[in-house]
Amino acid sequence: MNILPLLPDETIYSFLARLRVYSGSYNHRSASLLWFEQYGLSLDQKLATHLAHFSAQTNFPVELLLNEHTYYPLFSLAGNEPKKLKEVMLTGPSYRLGNYAKISQSGLKALSKDKYCLSCIEADKEKYGVAYWHLSHQFTGIQSCHIHNTLLVGTPPSSRVYSLPPQAISSSDVPASDLQRFFTTYVLEVNESAKCQKRNDLLLDKNNLNALIRQKGFMSNDSISMQYLLAAISNVTVRLFNNDVFTEHVVRNFIRKPYYACHPLKLILFRFALEQQPDIAAQEHLQLLKPTDKDKKREKQCLLLLQEGELNFTEIARRVRCSIGYVIKLAKQENIAYLKRTQFISADIEKRILMRLVKGDARDAIAREEQVSVSSVEKICGEHYQLSEWRQYLRALGKRDKYRIEMRSALKKHSFSTRAEIKAMYPACYMWLYKYDTQWLYLHLPPASYRSK
């Protein structure tokens, strides 16, 4: 059942909106039930779900829908599970789309609007008789039309009520800036290339990326000037969006992890911002990458503390006023042996940890001797039924024995003291036993004295 063609660069959402207009009888809930087998389906302009049923109803090939009428190529490029993303887009459920597409990680929610171009509306009405939503306008961060080089107009998205853009125009176009035009063209080129290239070949090949960072002057002797790299990238993002979407954590992950999963906007914007920099952009700052007298003094102090082997990395970093990563890097460079934390907990290690937890050993002591983190020990403790309650009971027994010994010693030392005097001299011991071991306490305390008036 195919009553309308898909127009060039049209979104699936727009196609459904045109069907409602032309039929005159569908409401949005009935339309989604007929075409997607889902009542009241929420449709995103960039990504649509239940496309397998939609393809069967309309006879449009699935690959055509995915590659030409959604941003599946871009989102599969940025995610680490493209097969699962494709599966969700074909059969649902819709609530999993956000996880696999990393939609919530763009950092620019304010720009996630339904957008249209005033000139495109007039051109579409003249050619097709109706204005429709263009896919090339909808990607988060795109603010200009690649055909007319004008700013797009944004409206709040209405994903469940399928409606067309305004058909009557009362305002005039506003020219887009050069940077906005360049970014729009860049995104659409990457989307086209993503249909036939892998992510690593296209944007994040590590050698290629390091070469680009070095070419732009942000790397010297395998050390990246993160401060100036972040400043340069932030300058581009602020000029584009009046907002910064990058943190140092994200940038380091791009450089170190070839398959770091994120929103495609960040992936593309990072490379775009780098390519906008002139070659050797930070040339005037390269001398700052060379070791200064202060750096040499810090390195010498750090090495002395490492060679002594008495302090852990956290304490060394605190004393030298540097990061723990710097201390580890220096230890590796100088071949100084250090205790490495276990990365994976085997069944044997878990068994040993569990036995010590049952015995009541302290968590930090277990973690230190088994070379794992305290949180890993706590996780094992939490996974076993009532183990925490058992450890609390053991601690209470230990405290009871401790206070009993203290009270016996006190009563022996002050054999002629009254109960009130014992309580005043040993308040913590007395009150704990009074609260949790009353019977034993009253059995060993001196008889109560009653003073008559």
Protein backbone atom coordinates (compact mmCIF):
# COMPACT_ATOMS: atom_id res chain seq x y z
CA MET A 1 0.00 0.00 0.00
CA ASN A 2 1.94 3.02 -1.27
CA ILE A 3 -0.13 6.09 -2.07
CA LEU A 4 2.60 8.76 -2.00
CA PRO A 5 6.26 8.91 -3.03
CA LEU A 6 8.95 9.90 -0.58
CA LEU A 7 10.24 13.30 -1.66
CA PRO A 8 13.98 14.05 -1.90
CA ASP A 9 15.62 14.58 1.50
CA GLU A 10 12.29 14.05 3.28
CA THR A 11 12.06 12.66 6.82
CA ILE A 12 9.78 9.73 7.69
CA TYR A 13 7.96 12.05 10.08
CA SER A 14 7.28 14.47 7.21
CA PHE A 15 5.93 11.66 5.00
CA LEU A 16 3.42 10.70 7.70
CA ALA A 17 2.43 14.36 8.13
CA ARG A 18 1.74 14.62 4.36
CA LEU A 19 -0.36 11.45 4.49
CA ARG A 20 -2.51 12.98 7.20
CA VAL A 21 -2.97 16.17 5.18
CA TYR A 22 -3.86 14.39 1.94
CA SER A 23 -6.13 11.75 3.47
CA GLY A 24 -8.06 14.21 5.63
CA SER A 25 -9.28 11.32 7.81
CA TYR A 26 -6.28 10.12 9.83
CA ASN A 27 -5.52 11.46 13.24
CA HIS A 28 -1.93 11.01 14.36
CA ARG A 29 -2.68 7.96 16.52
CA SER A 30 -4.53 6.13 13.77
CA ALA A 31 -1.83 7.01 11.26
CA SER A 32 0.95 5.57 13.43
CA LEU A 33 -1.12 2.41 14.07
CA LEU A 34 -1.69 1.90 10.33
CA TRP A 35 1.82 2.62 9.08
CA PHE A 36 3.96 1.52 12.04
CA GLU A 37 1.71 -0.92 13.91
CA GLN A 38 2.11 1.27 17.00
CA TYR A 39 -0.65 3.40 18.51
CA GLY A 40 0.50 6.98 19.14
CA LEU A 41 4.13 6.34 18.14
CA SER A 42 6.64 9.12 18.91
CA LEU A 43 8.73 9.78 15.78
CA ASP A 44 12.04 11.62 15.83
CA GLN A 45 12.94 13.65 12.72
CA LYS A 46 16.50 12.29 12.68
CA LEU A 47 15.82 8.65 13.57
CA ALA A 48 12.62 6.63 13.16
CA THR A 49 11.66 3.24 14.57
CA HIS A 50 9.50 0.29 13.36
CA LEU A 51 10.75 0.84 9.81
CA ALA A 52 10.37 -2.85 8.91
CA HIS A 53 6.58 -2.64 9.17
CA PHE A 54 6.60 0.77 7.49
CA SER A 55 8.63 -0.69 4.60
CA ALA A 56 6.18 -3.59 4.22
CA GLN A 57 3.25 -1.16 4.10
CA THR A 58 4.80 1.28 1.62
CA ASN A 59 7.11 -0.99 -0.45
CA PHE A 60 10.02 1.37 0.19
CA PRO A 61 13.28 -0.62 0.61
CA VAL A 62 14.57 -0.66 4.18
CA GLU A 63 18.10 0.40 3.18
CA LEU A 64 16.68 3.38 1.28
CA LEU A 65 14.76 4.48 4.36
CA LEU A 66 17.75 4.08 6.66
CA ASN A 67 20.38 5.73 4.47
CA GLU A 68 18.45 8.43 2.63
CA HIS A 69 15.64 9.43 5.00
CA THR A 70 17.19 9.06 8.47
CA TYR A 71 20.55 9.87 10.03
CA TYR A 72 21.28 6.20 10.70
CA PRO A 73 24.72 6.44 8.92
CA LEU A 74 25.87 9.21 11.28
CA PHE A 75 24.52 7.66 14.48
CA SER A 76 25.90 4.22 13.61
CA LEU A 77 29.24 5.94 13.01
CA ALA A 78 29.33 7.40 16.52
CA GLY A 79 27.83 4.52 18.52
CA ASN A 80 29.59 1.33 19.53
CA GLU A 81 26.63 -0.95 18.72
CA PRO A 82 25.43 -0.07 15.19
CA LYS A 83 23.80 -3.48 14.68
CA LYS A 84 21.62 -3.04 17.75
CA LEU A 85 20.78 0.52 16.67
CA LYS A 86 19.67 -0.78 13.30
CA GLU A 87 17.62 -3.53 14.94
CA VAL A 88 15.82 -0.98 17.14
CA MET A 89 15.12 1.27 14.15
CA LEU A 90 13.65 -1.65 12.23
CA THR A 91 11.56 -3.37 14.89
CA GLY A 92 11.68 -1.26 18.08
CA PRO A 93 11.09 -0.83 20.94
CA SER A 94 11.41 2.94 20.74
CA TYR A 95 12.58 3.42 24.33
CA ARG A 96 15.91 1.74 23.49
CA LEU A 97 16.69 4.20 20.70
CA GLY A 98 18.14 6.81 23.04
CA ASN A 99 20.63 4.35 24.58
CA TYR A 100 22.04 2.98 21.34
CA ALA A 101 22.05 6.35 19.52
CA LYS A 102 23.50 8.31 22.49
CA ILE A 103 20.86 10.99 21.83
CA SER A 104 21.06 12.45 25.32
CA GLN A 105 24.82 13.15 25.06
CA SER A 106 24.82 15.97 22.55
CA GLY A 107 25.19 18.67 25.21
CA LEU A 108 23.02 20.96 23.03
CA LYS A 109 19.44 20.09 23.90
CA ALA A 110 18.40 23.68 23.14
CA LEU A 111 19.33 23.14 19.48
CA SER A 112 17.34 19.90 19.12
CA LYS A 113 14.38 21.48 17.35
CA ASP A 114 12.39 20.81 14.20
CA LYS A 115 13.89 23.21 11.65
CA TYR A 116 12.91 24.55 8.24
CA CYS A 117 14.30 26.99 5.66
CA LEU A 118 12.07 29.82 4.45
CA SER A 119 13.45 29.62 0.90
CA CYS A 120 13.02 25.84 0.82
CA ILE A 121 9.36 26.22 1.80
CA GLU A 122 8.69 28.46 -1.20
CA ALA A 123 10.70 26.21 -3.53
CA ASP A 124 8.92 23.05 -2.30
CA LYS A 125 5.46 24.60 -2.70
CA GLU A 126 6.31 25.67 -6.22
CA LYS A 127 7.71 22.26 -7.24
CA TYR A 128 5.62 19.77 -5.20
CA GLY A 129 2.65 21.82 -4.05
CA VAL A 130 3.50 21.40 -0.36
CA ALA A 131 6.37 22.32 1.94
CA TYR A 132 7.88 19.43 3.91
CA TRP A 133 10.57 18.70 6.50
CA HIS A 134 14.06 18.22 5.06
CA LEU A 135 16.38 15.68 6.68
CA SER A 136 19.42 17.85 5.95
CA HIS A 137 18.00 20.56 8.25
CA GLN A 138 17.29 18.34 11.26
CA PHE A 139 20.67 17.20 12.59
CA THR A 140 21.47 18.67 16.01
CA GLY A 141 23.86 21.57 15.54
CA ILE A 142 22.98 22.34 11.91
CA GLN A 143 21.71 25.92 11.76
CA SER A 144 21.84 26.78 8.06
CA CYS A 145 20.41 25.52 4.80
CA HIS A 146 23.11 24.03 2.55
CA ILE A 147 21.19 25.10 -0.59
CA HIS A 148 20.31 28.71 0.20
CA ASN A 149 23.01 29.46 2.85
CA THR A 150 20.42 31.02 5.16
CA LEU A 151 19.65 30.46 8.81
CA LEU A 152 17.06 27.83 9.67
CA VAL A 153 13.96 28.59 11.72
CA GLY A 154 13.43 26.29 14.71
CA THR A 155 10.14 25.16 16.26
CA PRO A 156 9.56 22.98 19.35
CA PRO A 157 9.39 19.32 18.28
CA SER A 158 5.99 17.60 18.29
CA SER A 159 6.99 13.98 17.81
CA ARG A 160 3.54 12.45 18.40
CA VAL A 161 1.39 14.95 16.47
CA TYR A 162 2.62 14.69 12.88
CA SER A 163 2.45 18.16 11.34
CA LEU A 164 4.06 19.91 8.37
CA PRO A 165 6.13 23.10 8.57
CA PRO A 166 4.31 26.42 8.04
CA GLN A 167 3.01 26.75 4.49
CA ALA A 168 2.67 30.55 4.61
CA ILE A 169 5.76 32.71 5.18
CA SER A 170 5.62 36.20 6.64
CA SER A 171 9.32 36.83 7.34
CA SER A 172 12.48 37.05 5.25
CA ASP A 173 15.67 34.97 5.16
CA VAL A 174 18.70 35.76 7.34
CA PRO A 175 22.11 34.92 5.85
CA ALA A 176 24.15 32.33 7.77
CA SER A 177 27.72 32.96 8.85
CA ASP A 178 30.61 31.33 6.99
CA LEU A 179 31.36 29.04 9.94
CA GLN A 180 27.75 27.85 10.11
CA ARG A 181 27.73 27.15 6.37
CA PHE A 182 31.05 25.26 6.56
CA PHE A 183 29.79 23.14 9.46
CA THR A 184 26.53 22.24 7.67
CA THR A 185 28.43 21.16 4.57
CA TYR A 186 30.90 19.20 6.69
CA VAL A 187 28.15 17.28 8.52
CA LEU A 188 26.35 16.35 5.32
CA GLU A 189 29.60 15.21 3.68
CA VAL A 190 30.40 13.01 6.68
CA ASN A 191 26.88 11.57 6.60
CA GLU A 192 27.31 10.70 2.93
CA SER A 193 30.72 9.15 3.51
CA ALA A 194 29.44 7.19 6.52
CA LYS A 195 27.20 5.13 4.22
CA CYS A 196 30.22 3.30 2.84
CA GLN A 197 33.10 3.86 5.31
CA LYS A 198 33.85 2.62 8.79
CA ARG A 199 34.08 5.06 11.66
CA ASN A 200 37.79 4.48 12.24
CA ASP A 201 38.62 5.03 8.57
CA LEU A 202 36.55 8.19 8.42
CA LEU A 203 37.19 10.27 11.51
CA LEU A 204 39.12 8.69 14.34
CA ASP A 205 42.01 6.71 12.96
CA LYS A 206 44.51 7.20 15.77
CA ASN A 207 47.60 7.79 13.63
CA ASN A 208 45.71 10.15 11.35
CA LEU A 209 44.24 12.04 14.32
CA ASN A 210 47.61 12.42 16.06
CA ALA A 211 49.14 13.62 12.79
CA LEU A 212 46.40 16.25 12.51
CA ILE A 213 46.90 17.40 16.12
CA ARG A 214 50.66 17.63 15.51
CA GLN A 215 50.10 19.47 12.22
CA LYS A 216 47.98 22.07 14.01
CA GLY A 217 50.72 22.58 16.59
CA PHE A 218 49.11 21.06 19.67
CA MET A 219 51.56 18.16 20.04
CA SER A 220 55.28 18.13 20.66
CA ASN A 221 57.39 15.08 21.52
CA ASP A 222 54.23 12.97 21.93
CA SER A 223 52.90 15.41 24.56
CA ILE A 224 49.62 17.15 23.81
CA SER A 225 49.07 20.69 25.01
CA MET A 226 45.57 19.92 26.32
CA GLN A 227 45.05 23.43 27.63
CA TYR A 228 45.49 25.07 24.22
CA LEU A 229 43.73 22.25 22.35
CA LEU A 230 40.62 22.65 24.54
CA ALA A 231 40.74 26.44 24.19
CA ALA A 232 40.92 26.22 20.39
CA ILE A 233 38.05 23.71 20.13
CA SER A 234 35.92 25.66 22.61
CA ASN A 235 36.44 28.81 20.58
CA VAL A 236 34.88 27.13 17.53
CA THR A 237 31.93 25.64 19.44
CA VAL A 238 31.14 28.94 21.16
CA ARG A 239 31.21 30.76 17.82
CA LEU A 240 28.81 28.18 16.40
CA PHE A 241 26.40 27.63 19.28
CA ASN A 242 27.21 30.21 22.00
CA ASN A 243 27.91 27.15 24.15
CA ASP A 244 30.75 24.73 24.82
CA VAL A 245 30.03 21.01 24.44
CA PHE A 246 33.48 19.57 25.19
CA THR A 247 35.16 18.61 28.44
CA GLU A 248 38.75 17.46 28.86
CA HIS A 249 37.45 13.95 29.64
CA VAL A 250 35.65 13.71 26.27
CA VAL A 251 38.62 15.05 24.29
CA ARG A 252 41.04 12.61 25.94
CA ASN A 253 38.67 9.74 25.16
CA PHE A 254 38.56 10.78 21.49
CA ILE A 255 42.35 10.69 21.34
CA ARG A 256 42.87 7.47 23.32
CA LYS A 257 39.83 5.35 22.43
CA PRO A 258 39.20 4.82 18.70
CA TYR A 259 35.70 3.45 19.37
CA TYR A 260 34.58 5.84 22.10
CA ALA A 261 30.76 5.93 21.98
CA CYS A 262 29.17 9.38 21.99
CA HIS A 263 26.66 11.58 20.20
CA PRO A 264 27.77 12.04 16.55
CA LEU A 265 27.67 15.83 16.98
CA LYS A 266 30.66 15.64 19.34
CA LEU A 267 32.53 13.25 17.09
CA ILE A 268 32.10 15.44 14.01
CA LEU A 269 32.50 18.76 15.81
CA PHE A 270 35.82 17.68 17.33
CA ARG A 271 37.32 16.89 13.93
CA PHE A 272 35.71 19.96 12.33
CA ALA A 273 37.08 22.29 15.02
CA LEU A 274 40.56 20.81 14.56
CA GLU A 275 40.46 21.27 10.79
CA GLN A 276 39.42 24.91 11.24
CA GLN A 277 42.70 25.68 13.00
CA PRO A 278 45.59 27.02 10.92
CA ASP A 279 48.63 24.78 10.68
CA ILE A 280 50.93 25.17 13.70
CA ALA A 281 48.16 27.22 15.36
CA ALA A 282 49.83 26.95 18.76
CA GLN A 283 53.37 27.56 17.49
CA GLU A 284 53.79 30.52 19.82
CA HIS A 285 52.90 28.28 22.74
CA LEU A 286 55.19 25.38 21.94
CA GLN A 287 57.90 26.74 24.18
CA LEU A 288 55.51 26.21 27.08
CA LEU A 289 55.66 22.48 26.39
CA LYS A 290 59.40 22.43 27.08
CA PRO A 291 60.40 21.63 30.66
CA THR A 292 60.85 24.71 32.83
CA ASP A 293 62.94 24.96 36.02
CA LYS A 294 59.73 24.46 38.00
CA ASP A 295 58.92 21.30 36.02
CA LYS A 296 62.42 19.91 36.57
CA LYS A 297 62.23 20.60 40.31
CA ARG A 298 58.85 18.86 40.52
CA GLU A 299 60.16 15.87 38.56
CA LYS A 300 63.19 15.56 40.82
CA GLN A 301 61.06 15.72 43.96
CA CYS A 302 58.63 13.17 42.56
CA LEU A 303 61.45 10.76 41.64
CA LEU A 304 62.95 10.96 45.13
CA LEU A 305 59.63 10.06 46.74
CA LEU A 306 59.08 7.23 44.25
CA GLN A 307 62.51 5.76 44.90
CA GLU A 308 61.97 5.84 48.64
CA GLY A 309 58.92 3.64 48.12
CA GLU A 310 57.27 4.66 51.39
CA LEU A 311 54.32 6.66 50.03
CA ASN A 312 51.50 5.73 47.69
CA PHE A 313 50.83 7.61 44.45
CA THR A 314 48.01 9.67 45.95
CA GLU A 315 50.21 11.03 48.73
CA ILE A 316 53.11 11.71 46.33
CA ALA A 317 50.77 13.60 43.98
CA ARG A 318 49.47 15.65 46.93
CA ARG A 319 52.95 16.59 48.15
CA VAL A 320 54.38 17.39 44.72
CA ARG A 321 51.12 19.09 43.61
CA CYS A 322 50.66 17.11 40.42
CA SER A 323 48.23 14.52 39.06
CA ILE A 324 48.39 10.82 39.91
CA GLY A 325 48.75 10.14 36.19
CA TYR A 326 51.95 12.23 36.14
CA VAL A 327 53.38 10.13 39.00
CA ILE A 328 52.53 6.86 37.21
CA LYS A 329 53.98 8.15 33.93
CA LEU A 330 57.23 9.10 35.68
CA ALA A 331 57.44 5.70 37.39
CA LYS A 332 57.06 3.96 34.03
CA GLN A 333 59.68 6.19 32.37
CA GLU A 334 62.23 5.49 35.10
CA ASN A 335 61.32 1.75 35.36
CA ILE A 336 60.41 2.13 39.02
CA ALA A 337 58.41 -0.88 40.16
CA TYR A 338 55.04 -0.10 41.70
CA LEU A 339 52.03 -2.09 42.84
CA LYS A 340 49.48 -2.42 40.05
CA ARG A 341 45.86 -2.83 40.95
CA THR A 342 44.19 -5.97 39.63
CA GLN A 343 42.08 -5.09 36.60
CA PHE A 344 39.93 -8.24 36.54
CA ILE A 345 38.79 -10.18 39.61
CA SER A 346 39.11 -13.93 39.01
CA ALA A 347 37.02 -16.58 40.73
CA ASP A 348 39.92 -17.41 43.07
CA ILE A 349 40.36 -13.78 44.12
CA GLU A 350 36.62 -13.42 44.68
CA LYS A 351 36.61 -16.58 46.83
CA ARG A 352 39.47 -15.28 48.98
CA ILE A 353 37.78 -11.91 49.38
CA LEU A 354 34.50 -13.58 50.36
CA MET A 355 36.20 -15.77 53.00
CA ARG A 356 37.88 -12.74 54.54
CA LEU A 357 34.63 -10.80 54.49
CA VAL A 358 32.93 -13.64 56.37
CA LYS A 359 35.77 -13.58 58.92
CA GLY A 360 35.10 -9.87 59.42
CA ASP A 361 38.35 -8.41 58.06
CA ALA A 362 38.35 -4.70 57.19
CA ARG A 363 37.45 -3.87 53.60
CA ASP A 364 40.42 -1.55 53.00
CA ALA A 365 42.83 -4.21 54.31
CA ILE A 366 41.31 -6.82 52.00
CA ALA A 367 41.50 -4.44 49.04
CA ARG A 368 45.13 -3.56 49.75
CA GLU A 369 46.30 -7.17 50.09
CA GLU A 370 44.29 -8.49 47.13
CA GLN A 371 45.30 -5.48 44.97
CA VAL A 372 41.74 -4.47 44.11
CA SER A 373 39.67 -1.39 44.85
CA VAL A 374 37.61 -0.98 48.00
CA SER A 375 34.48 -0.55 45.86
CA SER A 376 35.11 -4.00 44.32
CA VAL A 377 35.22 -5.53 47.81
CA GLU A 378 32.02 -3.68 48.74
CA LYS A 379 30.34 -4.95 45.58
CA ILE A 380 31.16 -8.58 46.45
CA CYS A 381 29.89 -7.98 49.97
CA GLY A 382 26.61 -6.56 48.69
CA GLU A 383 26.02 -9.45 46.28
CA HIS A 384 25.76 -12.08 49.09
CA TYR A 385 22.63 -12.34 51.17
CA GLN A 386 22.88 -10.82 54.69
CA LEU A 387 26.69 -10.72 54.58
CA SER A 388 26.63 -7.05 55.60
CA GLU A 389 24.35 -7.89 58.56
CA TRP A 390 26.72 -10.72 59.57
CA ARG A 391 29.70 -8.35 59.49
CA GLN A 392 27.77 -5.85 61.60
CA TYR A 393 27.09 -8.64 64.11
CA LEU A 394 30.81 -9.55 64.18
CA ARG A 395 31.74 -5.92 64.78
CA ALA A 396 29.20 -5.74 67.61
CA LEU A 397 30.68 -8.88 69.17
CA GLY A 398 34.17 -7.38 68.92
CA LYS A 399 33.03 -4.15 70.51
CA ARG A 400 31.19 -6.07 73.26
CA ASP A 401 34.32 -8.05 74.17
CA LYS A 402 36.41 -4.87 74.13
CA TYR A 403 34.06 -2.99 76.47
CA ARG A 404 33.62 -5.98 78.79
CA ILE A 405 37.39 -6.18 79.26
CA GLU A 406 37.55 -2.41 79.83
CA MET A 407 34.71 -2.54 82.38
CA ARG A 408 36.26 -5.48 84.29
CA SER A 409 39.54 -3.56 84.47
CA ALA A 410 37.72 -0.43 85.66
CA LEU A 411 35.77 -2.30 88.35
CA LYS A 412 38.94 -3.99 89.57
CA LYS A 413 40.79 -0.68 89.69
CA HIS A 414 37.93 1.23 91.37
CA SER A 415 36.44 -1.46 93.55
CA PHE A 416 34.92 1.00 96.05
CA SER A 417 33.38 3.38 93.48
CA THR A 418 29.63 3.71 92.98
CA ARG A 419 27.78 3.11 89.73
CA ALA A 420 27.50 6.86 89.12
CA GLU A 421 31.25 7.32 89.56
CA ILE A 422 32.02 4.41 87.20
CA LYS A 423 29.69 5.94 84.62
CA ALA A 424 31.39 9.35 84.94
CA MET A 425 34.90 7.87 84.53
CA TYR A 426 34.07 5.54 81.59
CA PRO A 427 31.05 7.08 79.83
CA ALA A 428 31.48 5.47 76.37
CA CYS A 429 32.08 1.99 77.77
CA TYR A 430 29.29 2.27 80.34
CA MET A 431 26.66 3.60 77.87
CA TRP A 432 27.42 1.01 75.18
CA LEU A 433 27.08 -1.85 77.65
CA TYR A 434 23.98 -0.24 79.15
CA LYS A 435 22.39 -0.05 75.71
CA TYR A 436 23.43 -3.39 74.19
CA ASP A 437 24.61 -5.66 77.07
CA THR A 438 22.51 -4.54 80.04
CA GLN A 439 22.20 -7.92 81.75
CA TRP A 440 25.98 -8.47 81.86
CA LEU A 441 26.59 -4.89 83.05
CA TYR A 442 24.16 -5.06 85.98
CA LEU A 443 25.55 -8.45 86.94
CA HIS A 444 29.08 -7.01 87.37
CA LEU A 445 28.38 -3.48 88.64
CA PRO A 446 28.51 -2.83 92.41
CA PRO A 447 25.11 -2.92 94.17
CA ALA A 448 23.01 0.20 93.79
CA SER A 449 23.24 2.49 96.81
CA TYR A 450 20.04 4.13 98.10
CA ARG A 451 20.57 7.26 100.11
CA SER A 452 17.78 8.23 102.48
CA LYS A 453 16.92 11.84 102.97
